């Protein structure tokens, strides 16, 4: 299992619109091969900051299967214009 971690910084005043767009976009990601689960968390202190956690079976399911899919273009259309700056996504694997 791979954990994708994406810190999301939303343009000021756009949090409500972002959350509505995310409600639509989560149907896209949850339908992808290799997807296991996701969580979106909003920062308590800084209300325009979020963290997106997505669990994938493998790194390739995210980097190739999702990011190179036609569905990703719709994800991008729904969400990418909210980010300032664009997020740096990292991937983690569990340590024993």
PDB file of N, CA and C in Angstrom:
ATOM      1  N   UNK A   1       0.838  -1.170   0.000  1.00  0.00           N
ATOM      2  CA  UNK A   1       0.000   0.000   0.000  1.00  0.00           C
ATOM      3  C   UNK A   1       0.888   1.240   0.000  1.00  0.00           C
ATOM      4  N   UNK A   2       0.506   2.221  -0.792  1.00  0.00           N
ATOM      5  CA  UNK A   2       1.204   3.502  -0.884  1.00  0.00           C
ATOM      6  C   UNK A   2       0.264   4.586  -0.393  1.00  0.00           C
ATOM      7  N   UNK A   3       0.786   5.492   0.436  1.00  0.00           N
ATOM      8  CA  UNK A   3       0.014   6.624   0.914  1.00  0.00           C
ATOM      9  C   UNK A   3       0.476   7.872   0.175  1.00  0.00           C
ATOM     10  N   UNK A   4      -0.412   8.453  -0.585  1.00  0.00           N
ATOM     11  CA  UNK A   4      -0.161   9.732  -1.260  1.00  0.00           C
ATOM     12  C   UNK A   4      -0.542  10.835  -0.282  1.00  0.00           C
ATOM     13  N   UNK A   5       0.358  11.798  -0.095  1.00  0.00           N
ATOM     14  CA  UNK A   5       0.111  12.927   0.797  1.00  0.00           C
ATOM     15  C   UNK A   5       0.244  14.201  -0.017  1.00  0.00           C
ATOM     16  N   UNK A   6      -0.857  14.970  -0.060  1.00  0.00           N
ATOM     17  CA  UNK A   6      -0.867  16.210  -0.831  1.00  0.00           C
ATOM     18  C   UNK A   6      -1.321  17.359   0.057  1.00  0.00           C
ATOM     19  N   UNK A   7      -0.393  18.237   0.471  1.00  0.00           N
ATOM     20  CA  UNK A   7      -0.802  19.440   1.184  1.00  0.00           C
ATOM     21  C   UNK A   7      -1.398  20.426   0.164  1.00  0.00           C
ATOM     22  N   UNK A   8      -2.596  20.889   0.427  1.00  0.00           N
ATOM     23  CA  UNK A   8      -3.309  21.749  -0.523  1.00  0.00           C
ATOM     24  C   UNK A   8      -3.506  23.126   0.081  1.00  0.00           C
ATOM     25  N   UNK A   9      -3.022  24.136  -0.605  1.00  0.00           N
ATOM     26  CA  UNK A   9      -3.191  25.523  -0.191  1.00  0.00           C
ATOM     27  C   UNK A   9      -4.163  26.158  -1.180  1.00  0.00           C
ATOM     28  N   UNK A  10      -5.327  26.524  -0.672  1.00  0.00           N
ATOM     29  CA  UNK A  10      -6.423  27.010  -1.508  1.00  0.00           C
ATOM     30  C   UNK A  10      -6.395  28.537  -1.540  1.00  0.00           C
ATOM     31  N   UNK A  11      -6.674  29.103  -2.694  1.00  0.00           N
ATOM     32  CA  UNK A  11      -6.731  30.564  -2.821  1.00  0.00           C
ATOM     33  C   UNK A  11      -7.689  31.136  -1.783  1.00  0.00           C
ATOM     34  N   UNK A  12      -7.304  32.248  -1.191  1.00  0.00           N
ATOM     35  CA  UNK A  12      -8.094  32.877  -0.126  1.00  0.00           C
ATOM     36  C   UNK A  12      -9.545  33.065  -0.564  1.00  0.00           C
ATOM     37  N   UNK A  13     -10.453  32.691   0.314  1.00  0.00           N
ATOM     38  CA  UNK A  13     -11.871  32.867   0.059  1.00  0.00           C
ATOM     39  C   UNK A  13     -12.504  31.812  -0.826  1.00  0.00           C
ATOM     40  N   UNK A  14     -11.745  30.807  -1.232  1.00  0.00           N
ATOM     41  CA  UNK A  14     -12.253  29.793  -2.152  1.00  0.00           C
ATOM     42  C   UNK A  14     -12.508  28.440  -1.491  1.00  0.00           C
ATOM     43  N   UNK A  15     -12.418  28.366  -0.172  1.00  0.00           N
ATOM     44  CA  UNK A  15     -12.529  27.081   0.521  1.00  0.00           C
ATOM     45  C   UNK A  15     -13.878  26.414   0.268  1.00  0.00           C
ATOM     46  N   UNK A  16     -14.970  27.146   0.374  1.00  0.00           N
ATOM     47  CA  UNK A  16     -16.291  26.535   0.180  1.00  0.00           C
ATOM     48  C   UNK A  16     -16.448  26.007  -1.242  1.00  0.00           C
ATOM     49  N   UNK A  17     -15.999  26.769  -2.223  1.00  0.00           N
ATOM     50  CA  UNK A  17     -16.089  26.329  -3.619  1.00  0.00           C
ATOM     51  C   UNK A  17     -15.190  25.118  -3.854  1.00  0.00           C
ATOM     52  N   UNK A  18     -14.007  25.128  -3.240  1.00  0.00           N
ATOM     53  CA  UNK A  18     -13.113  23.982  -3.360  1.00  0.00           C
ATOM     54  C   UNK A  18     -13.763  22.724  -2.786  1.00  0.00           C
ATOM     55  N   UNK A  19     -14.345  22.834  -1.609  1.00  0.00           N
ATOM     56  CA  UNK A  19     -14.970  21.664  -0.985  1.00  0.00           C
ATOM     57  C   UNK A  19     -16.121  21.131  -1.834  1.00  0.00           C
ATOM     58  N   UNK A  20     -16.881  22.004  -2.449  1.00  0.00           N
ATOM     59  CA  UNK A  20     -17.969  21.554  -3.326  1.00  0.00           C
ATOM     60  C   UNK A  20     -17.398  20.840  -4.556  1.00  0.00           C
ATOM     61  N   UNK A  21     -16.360  21.401  -5.157  1.00  0.00           N
ATOM     62  CA  UNK A  21     -15.727  20.759  -6.316  1.00  0.00           C
ATOM     63  C   UNK A  21     -15.117  19.416  -5.918  1.00  0.00           C
ATOM     64  N   UNK A  22     -14.542  19.352  -4.716  1.00  0.00           N
ATOM     65  CA  UNK A  22     -13.954  18.096  -4.262  1.00  0.00           C
ATOM     66  C   UNK A  22     -15.020  17.021  -4.081  1.00  0.00           C
ATOM     67  N   UNK A  23     -16.197  17.414  -3.619  1.00  0.00           N
ATOM     68  CA  UNK A  23     -17.287  16.426  -3.481  1.00  0.00           C
ATOM     69  C   UNK A  23     -17.579  15.757  -4.826  1.00  0.00           C
ATOM     70  N   UNK A  24     -17.489  16.514  -5.901  1.00  0.00           N
ATOM     71  CA  UNK A  24     -17.688  15.944  -7.235  1.00  0.00           C
ATOM     72  C   UNK A  24     -16.474  15.112  -7.653  1.00  0.00           C
ATOM     73  N   UNK A  25     -15.290  15.660  -7.417  1.00  0.00           N
ATOM     74  CA  UNK A  25     -14.048  15.021  -7.888  1.00  0.00           C
ATOM     75  C   UNK A  25     -13.758  13.710  -7.182  1.00  0.00           C
ATOM     76  N   UNK A  26     -14.196  13.551  -5.942  1.00  0.00           N
ATOM     77  CA  UNK A  26     -13.859  12.321  -5.233  1.00  0.00           C
ATOM     78  C   UNK A  26     -14.489  11.089  -5.877  1.00  0.00           C
ATOM     79  N   UNK A  27     -15.573  11.270  -6.605  1.00  0.00           N
ATOM     80  CA  UNK A  27     -16.159  10.136  -7.335  1.00  0.00           C
ATOM     81  C   UNK A  27     -15.213   9.652  -8.432  1.00  0.00           C
ATOM     82  N   UNK A  28     -14.443  10.575  -8.987  1.00  0.00           N
ATOM     83  CA  UNK A  28     -13.485  10.218 -10.041  1.00  0.00           C
ATOM     84  C   UNK A  28     -12.377   9.348  -9.467  1.00  0.00           C
ATOM     85  N   UNK A  29     -11.727   9.860  -8.429  1.00  0.00           N
ATOM     86  CA  UNK A  29     -10.567   9.138  -7.890  1.00  0.00           C
ATOM     87  C   UNK A  29     -10.987   7.796  -7.295  1.00  0.00           C
ATOM     88  N   UNK A  30     -12.140   7.750  -6.652  1.00  0.00           N
ATOM     89  CA  UNK A  30     -12.551   6.505  -6.005  1.00  0.00           C
ATOM     90  C   UNK A  30     -12.936   5.416  -7.005  1.00  0.00           C
ATOM     91  N   UNK A  31     -13.108   5.785  -8.274  1.00  0.00           N
ATOM     92  CA  UNK A  31     -13.442   4.794  -9.303  1.00  0.00           C
ATOM     93  C   UNK A  31     -12.209   4.212 -10.000  1.00  0.00           C
ATOM     94  N   UNK A  32     -11.020   4.713  -9.649  1.00  0.00           N
ATOM     95  CA  UNK A  32      -9.810   4.310 -10.369  1.00  0.00           C
ATOM     96  C   UNK A  32      -9.276   2.960  -9.885  1.00  0.00           C
ATOM     97  N   UNK A  33      -8.715   2.212 -10.808  1.00  0.00           N
ATOM     98  CA  UNK A  33      -8.076   0.938 -10.481  1.00  0.00           C
ATOM     99  C   UNK A  33      -6.929   1.191  -9.510  1.00  0.00           C
ATOM    100  N   UNK A  34      -6.858   0.398  -8.465  1.00  0.00           N
ATOM    101  CA  UNK A  34      -5.786   0.522  -7.492  1.00  0.00           C
ATOM    102  C   UNK A  34      -6.093   1.463  -6.344  1.00  0.00           C
ATOM    103  N   UNK A  35      -7.178   2.211  -6.438  1.00  0.00           N
ATOM    104  CA  UNK A  35      -7.590   3.108  -5.363  1.00  0.00           C
ATOM    105  C   UNK A  35      -8.084   2.286  -4.182  1.00  0.00           C
ATOM    106  N   UNK A  36      -7.686   2.681  -2.965  1.00  0.00           N
ATOM    107  CA  UNK A  36      -8.144   1.996  -1.753  1.00  0.00           C
ATOM    108  C   UNK A  36      -9.037   2.897  -0.898  1.00  0.00           C
ATOM    109  N   UNK A  37      -8.598   4.132  -0.643  1.00  0.00           N
ATOM    110  CA  UNK A  37      -9.395   5.048   0.175  1.00  0.00           C
ATOM    111  C   UNK A  37      -8.782   6.443   0.107  1.00  0.00           C
ATOM    112  N   UNK A  38      -9.540   7.428   0.595  1.00  0.00           N
ATOM    113  CA  UNK A  38      -9.001   8.787   0.690  1.00  0.00           C
ATOM    114  C   UNK A  38      -9.636   9.522   1.854  1.00  0.00           C
ATOM    115  N   UNK A  39      -8.943  10.577   2.287  1.00  0.00           N
ATOM    116  CA  UNK A  39      -9.423  11.469   3.339  1.00  0.00           C
ATOM    117  C   UNK A  39      -8.984  12.881   2.977  1.00  0.00           C
ATOM    118  N   UNK A  40      -9.878  13.834   3.179  1.00  0.00           N
ATOM    119  CA  UNK A  40      -9.539  15.247   3.028  1.00  0.00           C
ATOM    120  C   UNK A  40      -9.732  15.896   4.391  1.00  0.00           C
ATOM    121  N   UNK A  41      -8.684  16.566   4.876  1.00  0.00           N
ATOM    122  CA  UNK A  41      -8.727  17.226   6.178  1.00  0.00           C
ATOM    123  C   UNK A  41      -8.455  18.715   6.002  1.00  0.00           C
ATOM    124  N   UNK A  42      -9.217  19.538   6.735  1.00  0.00           N
ATOM    125  CA  UNK A  42      -9.039  20.984   6.713  1.00  0.00           C
ATOM    126  C   UNK A  42      -8.297  21.416   7.973  1.00  0.00           C
ATOM    127  N   UNK A  43      -7.335  22.306   7.815  1.00  0.00           N
ATOM    128  CA  UNK A  43      -6.551  22.808   8.938  1.00  0.00           C
ATOM    129  C   UNK A  43      -7.437  23.678   9.839  1.00  0.00           C
ATOM    130  N   UNK A  44      -7.328  23.477  11.126  1.00  0.00           N
ATOM    131  CA  UNK A  44      -8.119  24.242  12.091  1.00  0.00           C
ATOM    132  C   UNK A  44      -7.598  25.675  12.209  1.00  0.00           C
ATOM    133  N   UNK A  45      -6.278  25.831  12.216  1.00  0.00           N
ATOM    134  CA  UNK A  45      -5.696  27.175  12.390  1.00  0.00           C
ATOM    135  C   UNK A  45      -5.705  28.008  11.116  1.00  0.00           C
ATOM    136  N   UNK A  46      -5.509  27.377   9.979  1.00  0.00           N
ATOM    137  CA  UNK A  46      -5.420  28.094   8.700  1.00  0.00           C
ATOM    138  C   UNK A  46      -6.480  27.502   7.774  1.00  0.00           C
ATOM    139  N   UNK A  47      -7.624  28.141   7.694  1.00  0.00           N
ATOM    140  CA  UNK A  47      -8.823  27.566   7.072  1.00  0.00           C
ATOM    141  C   UNK A  47      -8.721  27.371   5.558  1.00  0.00           C
ATOM    142  N   UNK A  48      -7.688  27.891   4.919  1.00  0.00           N
ATOM    143  CA  UNK A  48      -7.507  27.672   3.479  1.00  0.00           C
ATOM    144  C   UNK A  48      -6.472  26.583   3.199  1.00  0.00           C
ATOM    145  N   UNK A  49      -6.081  25.843   4.233  1.00  0.00           N
ATOM    146  CA  UNK A  49      -5.121  24.739   4.098  1.00  0.00           C
ATOM    147  C   UNK A  49      -5.813  23.409   4.322  1.00  0.00           C
ATOM    148  N   UNK A  50      -5.473  22.461   3.460  1.00  0.00           N
ATOM    149  CA  UNK A  50      -6.023  21.107   3.552  1.00  0.00           C
ATOM    150  C   UNK A  50      -4.890  20.107   3.392  1.00  0.00           C
ATOM    151  N   UNK A  51      -5.170  18.878   3.771  1.00  0.00           N
ATOM    152  CA  UNK A  51      -4.267  17.773   3.454  1.00  0.00           C
ATOM    153  C   UNK A  51      -5.124  16.660   2.863  1.00  0.00           C
ATOM    154  N   UNK A  52      -4.696  16.159   1.716  1.00  0.00           N
ATOM    155  CA  UNK A  52      -5.373  15.053   1.058  1.00  0.00           C
ATOM    156  C   UNK A  52      -4.512  13.811   1.215  1.00  0.00           C
ATOM    157  N   UNK A  53      -5.112  12.760   1.748  1.00  0.00           N
ATOM    158  CA  UNK A  53      -4.450  11.466   1.911  1.00  0.00           C
ATOM    159  C   UNK A  53      -5.178  10.462   1.031  1.00  0.00           C
ATOM    160  N   UNK A  54      -4.436   9.813   0.150  1.00  0.00           N
ATOM    161  CA  UNK A  54      -5.034   8.803  -0.728  1.00  0.00           C
ATOM    162  C   UNK A  54      -4.206   7.538  -0.621  1.00  0.00           C
ATOM    163  N   UNK A  55      -4.879   6.438  -0.416  1.00  0.00           N
ATOM    164  CA  UNK A  55      -4.214   5.144  -0.348  1.00  0.00           C
ATOM    165  C   UNK A  55      -4.402   4.416  -1.676  1.00  0.00           C
ATOM    166  N   UNK A  56      -3.276   3.969  -2.229  1.00  0.00           N
ATOM    167  CA  UNK A  56      -3.242   3.248  -3.499  1.00  0.00           C
ATOM    168  C   UNK A  56      -2.608   1.888  -3.267  1.00  0.00           C
ATOM    169  N   UNK A  57      -2.960   0.935  -4.105  1.00  0.00           N
ATOM    170  CA  UNK A  57      -2.314  -0.382  -4.012  1.00  0.00           C
ATOM    171  C   UNK A  57      -0.833  -0.276  -4.346  1.00  0.00           C
ATOM    172  N   UNK A  58      -0.492   0.478  -5.397  1.00  0.00           N
ATOM    173  CA  UNK A  58       0.906   0.653  -5.806  1.00  0.00           C
ATOM    174  C   UNK A  58       1.120   2.094  -6.252  1.00  0.00           C
ATOM    175  N   UNK A  59       2.370   2.496  -6.317  1.00  0.00           N
ATOM    176  CA  UNK A  59       2.715   3.825  -6.824  1.00  0.00           C
ATOM    177  C   UNK A  59       2.261   3.988  -8.270  1.00  0.00           C
ATOM    178  N   UNK A  60       2.376   2.932  -9.060  1.00  0.00           N
ATOM    179  CA  UNK A  60       1.991   2.986 -10.468  1.00  0.00           C
ATOM    180  C   UNK A  60       0.490   3.237 -10.641  1.00  0.00           C
ATOM    181  N   UNK A  61      -0.316   2.738  -9.705  1.00  0.00           N
ATOM    182  CA  UNK A  61      -1.754   3.007  -9.802  1.00  0.00           C
ATOM    183  C   UNK A  61      -2.032   4.507  -9.745  1.00  0.00           C
ATOM    184  N   UNK A  62      -1.248   5.236  -8.961  1.00  0.00           N
ATOM    185  CA  UNK A  62      -1.433   6.684  -8.898  1.00  0.00           C
ATOM    186  C   UNK A  62      -0.748   7.392 -10.057  1.00  0.00           C
ATOM    187  N   UNK A  63       0.549   7.146 -10.198  1.00  0.00           N
ATOM    188  CA  UNK A  63       1.357   7.905 -11.152  1.00  0.00           C
ATOM    189  C   UNK A  63       1.026   7.606 -12.615  1.00  0.00           C
ATOM    190  N   UNK A  64       0.674   6.381 -12.918  1.00  0.00           N
ATOM    191  CA  UNK A  64       0.380   5.998 -14.299  1.00  0.00           C
ATOM    192  C   UNK A  64      -1.125   5.828 -14.497  1.00  0.00           C
ATOM    193  N   UNK A  65      -1.717   4.925 -13.716  1.00  0.00           N
ATOM    194  CA  UNK A  65      -3.126   4.611 -13.899  1.00  0.00           C
ATOM    195  C   UNK A  65      -4.046   5.795 -13.743  1.00  0.00           C
ATOM    196  N   UNK A  66      -3.808   6.630 -12.727  1.00  0.00           N
ATOM    197  CA  UNK A  66      -4.658   7.799 -12.508  1.00  0.00           C
ATOM    198  C   UNK A  66      -4.163   9.015 -13.282  1.00  0.00           C
ATOM    199  N   UNK A  67      -2.922   9.392 -13.075  1.00  0.00           N
ATOM    200  CA  UNK A  67      -2.433  10.643 -13.655  1.00  0.00           C
ATOM    201  C   UNK A  67      -2.342  10.632 -15.179  1.00  0.00           C
ATOM    202  N   UNK A  68      -2.304   9.476 -15.780  1.00  0.00           N
ATOM    203  CA  UNK A  68      -2.249   9.418 -17.242  1.00  0.00           C
ATOM    204  C   UNK A  68      -3.589   9.011 -17.842  1.00  0.00           C
ATOM    205  N   UNK A  69      -4.634   9.081 -17.050  1.00  0.00           N
ATOM    206  CA  UNK A  69      -5.966   8.669 -17.516  1.00  0.00           C
ATOM    207  C   UNK A  69      -6.790   9.856 -18.002  1.00  0.00           C
ATOM    208  N   UNK A  70      -7.791   9.608 -18.839  1.00  0.00           N
ATOM    209  CA  UNK A  70      -8.724  10.673 -19.224  1.00  0.00           C
ATOM    210  C   UNK A  70      -9.474  11.232 -18.013  1.00  0.00           C
ATOM    211  N   UNK A  71      -9.733  10.393 -17.021  1.00  0.00           N
ATOM    212  CA  UNK A  71     -10.429  10.848 -15.809  1.00  0.00           C
ATOM    213  C   UNK A  71      -9.633  11.920 -15.066  1.00  0.00           C
ATOM    214  N   UNK A  72      -8.313  11.826 -15.140  1.00  0.00           N
ATOM    215  CA  UNK A  72      -7.473  12.822 -14.474  1.00  0.00           C
ATOM    216  C   UNK A  72      -7.706  14.214 -15.051  1.00  0.00           C
ATOM    217  N   UNK A  73      -7.998  14.292 -16.328  1.00  0.00           N
ATOM    218  CA  UNK A  73      -8.254  15.598 -16.947  1.00  0.00           C
ATOM    219  C   UNK A  73      -9.481  16.265 -16.327  1.00  0.00           C
ATOM    220  N   UNK A  74     -10.491  15.486 -16.010  1.00  0.00           N
ATOM    221  CA  UNK A  74     -11.673  16.028 -15.346  1.00  0.00           C
ATOM    222  C   UNK A  74     -11.344  16.419 -13.912  1.00  0.00           C
ATOM    223  N   UNK A  75     -10.575  15.605 -13.193  1.00  0.00           N
ATOM    224  CA  UNK A  75     -10.097  15.932 -11.841  1.00  0.00           C
ATOM    225  C   UNK A  75      -9.360  17.277 -11.873  1.00  0.00           C
ATOM    226  N   UNK A  76      -8.491  17.387 -12.824  1.00  0.00           N
ATOM    227  CA  UNK A  76      -7.702  18.613 -12.995  1.00  0.00           C
ATOM    228  C   UNK A  76      -8.595  19.821 -13.253  1.00  0.00           C
ATOM    229  N   UNK A  77      -9.576  19.660 -14.133  1.00  0.00           N
ATOM    230  CA  UNK A  77     -10.489  20.758 -14.464  1.00  0.00           C
ATOM    231  C   UNK A  77     -11.266  21.213 -13.229  1.00  0.00           C
ATOM    232  N   UNK A  78     -11.679  20.260 -12.409  1.00  0.00           N
ATOM    233  CA  UNK A  78     -12.466  20.580 -11.221  1.00  0.00           C
ATOM    234  C   UNK A  78     -11.654  21.249 -10.115  1.00  0.00           C
ATOM    235  N   UNK A  79     -10.383  20.860  -9.952  1.00  0.00           N
ATOM    236  CA  UNK A  79      -9.658  21.241  -8.742  1.00  0.00           C
ATOM    237  C   UNK A  79      -8.424  22.120  -8.910  1.00  0.00           C
ATOM    238  N   UNK A  80      -7.692  21.980  -9.976  1.00  0.00           N
ATOM    239  CA  UNK A  80      -6.369  22.596 -10.021  1.00  0.00           C
ATOM    240  C   UNK A  80      -6.375  24.120  -9.970  1.00  0.00           C
ATOM    241  N   UNK A  81      -7.416  24.757 -10.383  1.00  0.00           N
ATOM    242  CA  UNK A  81      -7.442  26.223 -10.360  1.00  0.00           C
ATOM    243  C   UNK A  81      -7.591  26.796  -8.949  1.00  0.00           C
ATOM    244  N   UNK A  82      -7.864  25.959  -7.954  1.00  0.00           N
ATOM    245  CA  UNK A  82      -7.981  26.419  -6.571  1.00  0.00           C
ATOM    246  C   UNK A  82      -6.624  26.531  -5.873  1.00  0.00           C
ATOM    247  N   UNK A  83      -5.590  25.860  -6.368  1.00  0.00           N
ATOM    248  CA  UNK A  83      -4.324  25.733  -5.653  1.00  0.00           C
ATOM    249  C   UNK A  83      -3.417  26.946  -5.856  1.00  0.00           C
ATOM    250  N   UNK A  84      -2.845  27.426  -4.745  1.00  0.00           N
ATOM    251  CA  UNK A  84      -1.856  28.500  -4.799  1.00  0.00           C
ATOM    252  C   UNK A  84      -0.931  28.352  -3.604  1.00  0.00           C
ATOM    253  N   UNK A  85       0.269  27.810  -3.782  1.00  0.00           N
ATOM    254  CA  UNK A  85       0.874  27.301  -5.006  1.00  0.00           C
ATOM    255  C   UNK A  85       0.387  25.880  -5.308  1.00  0.00           C
ATOM    256  N   UNK A  86       0.837  25.367  -6.440  1.00  0.00           N
ATOM    257  CA  UNK A  86       0.471  24.019  -6.821  1.00  0.00           C
ATOM    258  C   UNK A  86       1.113  23.036  -5.837  1.00  0.00           C
ATOM    259  N   UNK A  87       0.387  22.013  -5.404  1.00  0.00           N
ATOM    260  CA  UNK A  87       0.913  21.116  -4.367  1.00  0.00           C
ATOM    261  C   UNK A  87       2.072  20.240  -4.827  1.00  0.00           C
ATOM    262  N   UNK A  88       2.948  19.981  -3.880  1.00  0.00           N
ATOM    263  CA  UNK A  88       4.009  18.997  -4.055  1.00  0.00           C
ATOM    264  C   UNK A  88       3.512  17.724  -3.390  1.00  0.00           C
ATOM    265  N   UNK A  89       3.307  16.691  -4.187  1.00  0.00           N
ATOM    266  CA  UNK A  89       2.751  15.425  -3.705  1.00  0.00           C
ATOM    267  C   UNK A  89       3.895  14.472  -3.374  1.00  0.00           C
ATOM    268  N   UNK A  90       3.760  13.790  -2.236  1.00  0.00           N
ATOM    269  CA  UNK A  90       4.752  12.790  -1.833  1.00  0.00           C
ATOM    270  C   UNK A  90       4.055  11.459  -1.620  1.00  0.00           C
ATOM    271  N   UNK A  91       4.826  10.393  -1.721  1.00  0.00           N
ATOM    272  CA  UNK A  91       4.301   9.041  -1.539  1.00  0.00           C
ATOM    273  C   UNK A  91       5.073   8.357  -0.420  1.00  0.00           C
ATOM    274  N   UNK A  92       4.339   7.620   0.423  1.00  0.00           N
ATOM    275  CA  UNK A  92       4.928   6.966   1.575  1.00  0.00           C
ATOM    276  C   UNK A  92       4.537   5.501   1.605  1.00  0.00           C
ATOM    277  N   UNK A  93       5.421   4.699   2.164  1.00  0.00           N
ATOM    278  CA  UNK A  93       5.112   3.296   2.404  1.00  0.00           C
ATOM    279  C   UNK A  93       5.291   3.017   3.891  1.00  0.00           C
ATOM    280  N   UNK A  94       4.528   2.076   4.385  1.00  0.00           N
ATOM    281  CA  UNK A  94       4.537   1.761   5.817  1.00  0.00           C
ATOM    282  C   UNK A  94       5.852   1.104   6.214  1.00  0.00           C
ATOM    283  N   UNK A  95       6.352   1.525   7.362  1.00  0.00           N
ATOM    284  CA  UNK A  95       7.534   0.886   7.959  1.00  0.00           C
ATOM    285  C   UNK A  95       7.041  -0.158   8.937  1.00  0.00           C
ATOM    286  N   UNK A  96       7.800  -1.225   9.077  1.00  0.00           N
ATOM    287  CA  UNK A  96       7.382  -2.254  10.034  1.00  0.00           C
ATOM    288  C   UNK A  96       7.891  -1.937  11.417  1.00  0.00           C
TER     289      UNK A  96
END
